[in-house]
Amino acid sequence: VTPDPTTGRTPTERERIKAMVAIALKAEEVGLDVFATGEHHNPPFVPSSPTTMLGYIAARTERLILSTSTTLITTNDPVKIAEDFAMLQHLADGRMDLMMGRGNTGPVYPWFGQDIRQGINLAVENYALLHRLWREDVVDWEGKFRTPLQGFTSTPRPLDGVPPFVWHGSIRSPEIAEQAAYYGDGFFHNNIFWPADHTKRMVELYRTRYAHYGHGTPEQAIVGLGGQVFMRKNSQDAVREFRPYFDVAPVYGHGPSLEDFTEQTPLTVGSPQQVIEKTLSFREYAGDYQRQLFLMDHAGLPLKTVLEQLDLLGEEVVPVLRKEFAKNRPANVPDAPTHTSLLAGKDTVKEGARA
């Protein structure tokens, strides 16, 4: 919930929640692939219950993949994550996945009875349990951070016996890249605040370790990137309109100038063609990758403006990106897993076992 610096008006929590739904519906309307919501438990944020929101959006959409960015693996009980997202998986007919992360709000840890100094250890242990809960019908388990489980069955079971696909999101922690590689899951780099050389190191670490654990070649690892944009037909108009929002934005305001920030990070403020060119350049340091998320609803922009941004993204940017990213893409580089592809892979394994 961010005041609009050009009007001074602050939207209500209800307005922001309804705006997030409107943005998701618009994403499907303009032909985007994925809508993802974050998770926060502190004012001025409102998305404290992602599965509630995504379940509602699932009922109002037909094609859109619904995801998170991020689900707090450190402060949520992995048993509850297993239950909530399996329920969403059924309601959405498999049109969902999720991104694990530790979040960026330190005070959330004690609110949920945890110690931020154990953040990495919590991420590792909790996900190890969640991974088993979706794959074993009966789980006996004992760890450091929650009460033991004996003969426990998480319900509902994953749709078609196929657990949701998981991305592990991180900005700076190599342990999370290692975790994603160990399980053969996806690795999502925030790619909003840091320069390209840092993102390159993190992605290369994940790809190398993915191959080390025998999941495939480094090029077959499943990579996602973030990014943020603001567009107008004319680049000067985009800069002029976005500057007052950028200058006081809670996340990146009151720091480097807009010009410095766009030069040093993936932020693009300009024309659709400039967004296309900069986004295509990500492949130079990340390789061929599977998911590109754009932060569109940021810095207090009014809903009307965000919806206009989505029109530009869907009509002028994404069709070109799809075409250009497909060029010279090696045949062995997979698409991002979906419920359909994971189910097909499971059935293939079954057929092979019977043969």
Protein backbone atom coordinates (compact mmCIF):
# COMPACT_ATOMS: atom_id res chain seq x y z
CA VAL A 1 0.00 0.00 0.00
CA THR A 2 2.01 2.93 -1.33
CA PRO A 3 0.90 6.58 -1.58
CA ASP A 4 0.77 7.97 -5.10
CA PRO A 5 3.43 10.71 -4.96
CA THR A 6 1.74 12.69 -7.74
CA THR A 7 -1.61 12.95 -5.93
CA GLY A 8 -0.80 12.19 -2.30
CA ARG A 9 -3.60 9.65 -2.18
CA THR A 10 -3.06 6.33 -0.41
CA PRO A 11 -5.26 3.43 -1.57
CA THR A 12 -7.08 1.33 1.01
CA GLU A 13 -6.11 -2.26 1.72
CA ARG A 14 -9.28 -3.40 -0.02
CA GLU A 15 -8.42 -1.35 -3.11
CA ARG A 16 -4.96 -2.87 -3.28
CA ILE A 17 -6.25 -6.42 -2.86
CA LYS A 18 -8.86 -5.87 -5.56
CA ALA A 19 -6.22 -4.24 -7.78
CA MET A 20 -4.04 -7.35 -7.54
CA VAL A 21 -6.96 -9.44 -8.78
CA ALA A 22 -7.61 -6.99 -11.63
CA ILE A 23 -3.94 -7.18 -12.62
CA ALA A 24 -4.06 -10.98 -12.71
CA LEU A 25 -7.19 -10.96 -14.89
CA LYS A 26 -5.55 -8.42 -17.20
CA ALA A 27 -2.44 -10.62 -17.42
CA GLU A 28 -4.57 -13.44 -18.81
CA GLU A 29 -6.47 -11.08 -21.10
CA VAL A 30 -3.31 -9.78 -22.78
CA GLY A 31 -1.82 -13.24 -23.22
CA LEU A 32 0.79 -13.45 -20.48
CA ASP A 33 1.75 -16.85 -19.08
CA VAL A 34 2.16 -16.37 -15.34
CA PHE A 35 0.84 -14.24 -12.48
CA ALA A 36 2.81 -14.36 -9.22
CA THR A 37 2.12 -12.73 -5.87
CA GLY A 38 4.44 -12.16 -2.94
CA GLU A 39 3.82 -12.97 0.71
CA HIS A 40 4.18 -10.41 3.49
CA HIS A 41 2.89 -10.22 7.04
CA ASN A 42 3.69 -6.63 7.91
CA PRO A 43 2.05 -3.29 7.07
CA PRO A 44 1.96 -1.65 4.61
CA PHE A 45 1.83 -4.94 2.66
CA VAL A 46 -1.43 -6.83 2.16
CA PRO A 47 -0.76 -10.25 0.50
CA SER A 48 -0.56 -12.30 3.70
CA SER A 49 -2.54 -15.25 2.28
CA PRO A 50 -1.35 -16.06 -1.25
CA THR A 51 -3.32 -19.28 -1.67
CA THR A 52 -6.57 -17.49 -0.82
CA MET A 53 -5.92 -14.94 -3.51
CA LEU A 54 -4.65 -17.43 -6.08
CA GLY A 55 -7.60 -19.75 -5.47
CA TYR A 56 -9.97 -16.86 -6.16
CA ILE A 57 -8.04 -15.92 -9.31
CA ALA A 58 -8.02 -19.55 -10.43
CA ALA A 59 -11.83 -19.53 -10.41
CA ARG A 60 -11.85 -16.46 -12.68
CA THR A 61 -9.20 -17.52 -15.19
CA GLU A 62 -8.75 -20.40 -17.60
CA ARG A 63 -5.17 -20.44 -18.83
CA LEU A 64 -2.96 -18.39 -16.51
CA ILE A 65 -0.34 -20.21 -14.41
CA LEU A 66 -0.60 -18.99 -10.82
CA SER A 67 2.53 -18.74 -8.70
CA THR A 68 4.13 -17.04 -5.75
CA SER A 69 7.10 -14.75 -5.41
CA THR A 70 7.76 -15.70 -2.63
CA THR A 71 6.34 -18.36 -0.28
CA LEU A 72 8.13 -18.02 3.06
CA ILE A 73 9.69 -21.45 3.63
CA THR A 74 11.38 -20.17 6.79
CA THR A 75 8.43 -18.93 8.84
CA ASN A 76 5.56 -20.99 7.44
CA ASP A 77 5.02 -24.51 8.75
CA PRO A 78 5.97 -26.89 5.90
CA VAL A 79 2.98 -29.05 6.77
CA LYS A 80 0.65 -26.10 6.15
CA ILE A 81 2.45 -25.21 2.92
CA ALA A 82 1.99 -28.81 1.75
CA GLU A 83 -1.72 -28.70 2.52
CA ASP A 84 -2.48 -25.20 1.23
CA PHE A 85 -0.71 -25.55 -2.12
CA ALA A 86 -2.01 -29.06 -2.76
CA MET A 87 -5.49 -27.66 -2.23
CA LEU A 88 -4.73 -24.82 -4.66
CA GLN A 89 -3.33 -27.34 -7.14
CA HIS A 90 -6.66 -29.20 -7.18
CA LEU A 91 -8.76 -26.04 -7.41
CA ALA A 92 -6.60 -24.64 -10.25
CA ASP A 93 -6.55 -27.95 -12.16
CA GLY A 94 -2.77 -27.95 -11.94
CA ARG A 95 -2.30 -24.38 -13.22
CA MET A 96 0.09 -23.42 -10.45
CA ASP A 97 3.58 -23.65 -9.07
CA LEU A 98 5.36 -21.82 -6.26
CA MET A 99 8.60 -20.11 -5.36
CA MET A 100 10.29 -20.75 -2.02
CA GLY A 101 12.22 -17.97 -0.35
CA ARG A 102 13.22 -16.38 2.94
CA GLY A 103 11.62 -12.98 2.32
CA ASN A 104 13.12 -9.59 3.02
CA THR A 105 11.45 -8.65 6.32
CA GLY A 106 13.51 -9.50 9.38
CA PRO A 107 10.81 -8.96 12.05
CA VAL A 108 8.63 -11.69 10.53
CA TYR A 109 10.80 -14.39 12.13
CA PRO A 110 9.92 -13.77 15.80
CA TRP A 111 6.27 -13.17 14.88
CA PHE A 112 6.18 -16.80 13.81
CA GLY A 113 8.41 -18.10 16.56
CA GLN A 114 11.66 -18.34 14.60
CA ASP A 115 15.15 -16.83 14.74
CA ILE A 116 16.41 -14.93 11.69
CA ARG A 117 19.92 -16.14 12.43
CA GLN A 118 18.67 -19.61 11.50
CA GLY A 119 17.24 -18.44 8.18
CA ILE A 120 19.30 -20.69 5.89
CA ASN A 121 18.98 -23.70 8.20
CA LEU A 122 15.22 -23.19 8.36
CA ALA A 123 15.01 -23.00 4.57
CA VAL A 124 16.97 -26.24 4.20
CA GLU A 125 15.17 -28.26 6.87
CA ASN A 126 11.66 -27.05 6.14
CA TYR A 127 11.93 -27.73 2.44
CA ALA A 128 13.39 -31.19 3.06
CA LEU A 129 10.22 -31.98 4.99
CA LEU A 130 7.90 -30.36 2.45
CA HIS A 131 9.56 -32.33 -0.36
CA ARG A 132 8.81 -35.58 1.46
CA LEU A 133 5.26 -34.62 2.43
CA TRP A 134 4.30 -34.31 -1.25
CA ARG A 135 6.02 -37.55 -2.28
CA GLU A 136 5.40 -39.97 0.59
CA ASP A 137 1.92 -40.97 1.70
CA VAL A 138 3.06 -41.61 5.28
CA VAL A 139 5.91 -39.61 6.80
CA ASP A 140 7.94 -40.19 9.95
CA TRP A 141 10.15 -37.19 10.56
CA GLU A 142 12.16 -35.43 13.23
CA GLY A 143 14.14 -32.21 12.91
CA LYS A 144 15.33 -29.19 14.85
CA PHE A 145 12.69 -26.54 14.21
CA ARG A 146 9.28 -28.17 14.60
CA THR A 147 7.63 -31.00 16.50
CA PRO A 148 8.24 -34.52 15.14
CA LEU A 149 5.80 -36.28 12.84
CA GLN A 150 4.84 -39.92 13.23
CA GLY A 151 2.76 -41.72 10.64
CA PHE A 152 1.62 -38.38 9.21
CA THR A 153 -0.24 -37.98 5.90
CA SER A 154 -0.61 -34.53 4.37
CA THR A 155 -4.01 -33.92 2.80
CA PRO A 156 -5.09 -33.45 0.13
CA ARG A 157 -2.51 -35.47 -1.76
CA PRO A 158 -0.98 -33.73 -4.80
CA LEU A 159 -3.14 -33.71 -7.91
CA ASP A 160 -2.59 -36.87 -10.00
CA GLY A 161 0.19 -37.81 -7.60
CA VAL A 162 2.37 -35.04 -9.06
CA PRO A 163 3.76 -32.46 -6.60
CA PRO A 164 3.66 -28.80 -7.65
CA PHE A 165 6.81 -27.59 -9.38
CA VAL A 166 9.00 -25.55 -7.04
CA TRP A 167 11.32 -22.63 -7.75
CA HIS A 168 13.81 -21.52 -5.11
CA GLY A 169 14.16 -17.75 -5.15
CA SER A 170 17.18 -15.83 -3.95
CA ILE A 171 19.00 -12.55 -4.37
CA ARG A 172 22.38 -13.31 -2.84
CA SER A 173 22.50 -16.70 -1.06
CA PRO A 174 24.53 -19.45 -2.76
CA GLU A 175 23.06 -21.96 -0.32
CA ILE A 176 19.66 -21.51 -2.01
CA ALA A 177 21.12 -22.05 -5.48
CA GLU A 178 22.71 -25.22 -4.08
CA GLN A 179 19.37 -26.31 -2.62
CA ALA A 180 17.57 -25.84 -5.93
CA ALA A 181 20.29 -27.82 -7.71
CA TYR A 182 20.24 -30.66 -5.18
CA TYR A 183 16.54 -31.34 -5.70
CA GLY A 184 16.53 -30.65 -9.43
CA ASP A 185 14.07 -27.81 -8.84
CA GLY A 186 14.04 -24.41 -10.53
CA PHE A 187 16.25 -21.51 -9.44
CA PHE A 188 14.82 -18.01 -9.64
CA HIS A 189 17.12 -15.04 -9.30
CA ASN A 190 15.43 -11.84 -8.12
CA ASN A 191 17.40 -9.86 -10.73
CA ILE A 192 15.96 -6.52 -9.67
CA PHE A 193 18.55 -4.84 -7.47
CA TRP A 194 21.92 -6.39 -8.31
CA PRO A 195 24.20 -5.95 -11.34
CA ALA A 196 24.53 -8.53 -14.09
CA ASP A 197 27.84 -9.99 -12.93
CA HIS A 198 26.31 -11.00 -9.59
CA THR A 199 23.30 -12.64 -11.25
CA LYS A 200 25.64 -14.45 -13.63
CA ARG A 201 27.65 -15.96 -10.76
CA MET A 202 24.52 -17.17 -8.96
CA VAL A 203 22.98 -18.73 -12.08
CA GLU A 204 26.25 -20.38 -13.11
CA LEU A 205 26.63 -21.87 -9.62
CA TYR A 206 23.13 -23.33 -9.83
CA ARG A 207 23.68 -24.73 -13.34
CA THR A 208 27.01 -26.33 -12.37
CA ARG A 209 25.60 -27.95 -9.25
CA TYR A 210 22.43 -29.08 -11.08
CA ALA A 211 24.65 -31.08 -13.41
CA HIS A 212 26.78 -32.29 -10.48
CA TYR A 213 23.71 -33.89 -8.89
CA GLY A 214 22.89 -35.73 -12.12
CA HIS A 215 19.72 -33.95 -13.16
CA GLY A 216 21.02 -33.07 -16.64
CA THR A 217 23.48 -30.76 -18.32
CA PRO A 218 24.02 -27.22 -17.02
CA GLU A 219 22.05 -25.93 -20.02
CA GLN A 220 19.04 -28.05 -18.99
CA ALA A 221 18.75 -26.48 -15.55
CA ILE A 222 15.51 -24.54 -14.96
CA VAL A 223 16.23 -20.82 -14.49
CA GLY A 224 13.93 -17.86 -13.89
CA LEU A 225 14.74 -14.16 -13.71
CA GLY A 226 12.97 -11.09 -12.37
CA GLY A 227 13.00 -7.63 -13.84
CA GLN A 228 11.00 -4.42 -13.69
CA VAL A 229 9.87 -2.00 -16.35
CA PHE A 230 7.90 1.14 -17.03
CA MET A 231 6.94 1.91 -20.61
CA ARG A 232 5.41 4.52 -22.79
CA LYS A 233 5.44 4.70 -26.58
CA ASN A 234 7.98 7.50 -26.30
CA SER A 235 10.93 6.85 -23.96
CA GLN A 236 11.09 10.48 -22.79
CA ASP A 237 7.46 10.29 -21.70
CA ALA A 238 8.20 7.10 -19.74
CA VAL A 239 11.10 8.70 -17.88
CA ARG A 240 9.15 11.87 -17.12
CA GLU A 241 6.09 9.99 -15.85
CA PHE A 242 7.93 7.38 -13.79
CA ARG A 243 10.55 9.61 -12.17
CA PRO A 244 8.37 10.96 -9.31
CA TYR A 245 7.34 7.37 -8.49
CA PHE A 246 10.90 6.06 -8.61
CA ASP A 247 12.34 8.87 -6.50
CA VAL A 248 10.23 8.03 -3.44
CA ALA A 249 9.53 4.32 -4.03
CA PRO A 250 9.76 2.36 -0.74
CA VAL A 251 12.02 -0.25 -2.32
CA TYR A 252 14.49 1.72 -4.44
CA GLY A 253 13.76 5.38 -3.85
CA HIS A 254 15.89 7.87 -1.94
CA GLY A 255 19.07 6.33 -3.36
CA PRO A 256 20.75 6.26 -6.79
CA SER A 257 19.22 8.39 -9.52
CA LEU A 258 16.82 6.82 -11.98
CA GLU A 259 19.52 7.02 -14.64
CA ASP A 260 22.14 5.30 -12.45
CA PHE A 261 19.70 2.62 -11.34
CA THR A 262 18.63 1.77 -14.89
CA GLU A 263 22.27 1.60 -15.96
CA GLN A 264 23.38 -0.69 -13.13
CA THR A 265 20.34 -2.98 -12.71
CA PRO A 266 17.71 -4.63 -14.93
CA LEU A 267 15.22 -1.77 -14.44
CA THR A 268 14.11 -0.46 -17.85
CA VAL A 269 12.23 2.83 -18.17
CA GLY A 270 11.55 3.69 -21.78
CA SER A 271 9.88 2.46 -24.94
CA PRO A 272 8.69 -1.11 -25.59
CA GLN A 273 11.66 -1.58 -27.93
CA GLN A 274 14.08 -0.63 -25.15
CA VAL A 275 12.41 -3.14 -22.84
CA ILE A 276 12.76 -5.81 -25.53
CA GLU A 277 16.43 -5.07 -26.10
CA LYS A 278 17.41 -5.02 -22.44
CA THR A 279 15.41 -8.15 -21.59
CA LEU A 280 16.99 -10.04 -24.47
CA SER A 281 20.39 -9.07 -23.10
CA PHE A 282 19.70 -11.11 -19.95
CA ARG A 283 20.45 -14.25 -21.95
CA GLU A 284 24.03 -13.05 -22.38
CA TYR A 285 24.74 -13.70 -18.70
CA ALA A 286 22.02 -16.18 -17.69
CA GLY A 287 21.94 -18.43 -20.75
CA ASP A 288 18.71 -19.77 -22.21
CA TYR A 289 16.20 -19.62 -19.38
CA GLN A 290 12.59 -20.61 -18.80
CA ARG A 291 10.74 -17.88 -16.90
CA GLN A 292 10.84 -14.11 -17.02
CA LEU A 293 8.74 -12.30 -14.43
CA PHE A 294 8.23 -8.54 -14.66
CA LEU A 295 7.45 -6.34 -11.67
CA MET A 296 4.75 -4.09 -13.12
CA ASP A 297 2.76 -3.00 -10.06
CA HIS A 298 5.31 -0.97 -8.15
CA ALA A 299 6.14 2.37 -6.55
CA GLY A 300 2.54 3.48 -5.99
CA LEU A 301 1.46 3.48 -9.64
CA PRO A 302 -2.32 3.79 -9.98
CA LEU A 303 -4.17 0.72 -11.22
CA LYS A 304 -5.13 2.40 -14.48
CA THR A 305 -1.46 2.96 -15.29
CA VAL A 306 -0.51 -0.62 -14.38
CA LEU A 307 -3.20 -1.99 -16.68
CA GLU A 308 -1.90 0.23 -19.48
CA GLN A 309 1.56 -1.19 -18.84
CA LEU A 310 0.20 -4.71 -19.17
CA ASP A 311 -1.41 -3.83 -22.49
CA LEU A 312 1.98 -2.71 -23.79
CA LEU A 313 3.70 -5.77 -22.36
CA GLY A 314 1.21 -8.20 -23.87
CA GLU A 315 0.78 -6.51 -27.24
CA GLU A 316 4.24 -5.18 -28.08
CA VAL A 317 6.86 -6.80 -25.86
CA VAL A 318 6.09 -10.42 -25.02
CA PRO A 319 5.32 -11.61 -28.59
CA VAL A 320 8.73 -10.34 -29.70
CA LEU A 321 10.49 -11.81 -26.67
CA ARG A 322 8.93 -15.22 -27.29
CA LYS A 323 10.06 -15.16 -30.92
CA GLU A 324 13.58 -13.92 -30.18
CA PHE A 325 14.19 -16.22 -27.21
CA ALA A 326 13.17 -19.17 -29.40
CA LYS A 327 15.84 -18.30 -31.97
CA ASN A 328 18.98 -20.42 -31.68
CA ARG A 329 17.65 -22.06 -28.53
CA PRO A 330 19.29 -25.49 -28.31
CA ALA A 331 16.91 -28.40 -28.70
CA ASN A 332 18.01 -29.89 -25.38
CA VAL A 333 16.94 -26.83 -23.37
CA PRO A 334 13.56 -27.70 -21.81
CA ASP A 335 10.55 -25.49 -21.24
CA ALA A 336 9.53 -24.63 -17.71
CA PRO A 337 7.78 -27.65 -16.16
CA THR A 338 4.00 -27.59 -15.94
CA HIS A 339 1.58 -30.01 -14.34
CA THR A 340 0.87 -31.49 -17.76
CA SER A 341 4.55 -32.07 -18.59
CA LEU A 342 5.34 -33.44 -15.14
CA LEU A 343 2.39 -35.83 -15.35
CA ALA A 344 3.48 -36.96 -18.81
CA GLY A 345 6.97 -37.62 -17.47
CA LYS A 346 5.57 -39.64 -14.59
CA ASP A 347 3.44 -41.72 -16.96
CA THR A 348 6.46 -42.31 -19.21
CA VAL A 349 8.43 -43.63 -16.25
CA LYS A 350 5.55 -45.96 -15.38
CA GLU A 351 5.37 -47.28 -18.93
CA GLY A 352 9.11 -47.86 -18.93
CA ALA A 353 8.91 -49.75 -15.65
CA ARG A 354 6.15 -52.01 -17.00
CA ALA A 355 8.12 -52.64 -20.19
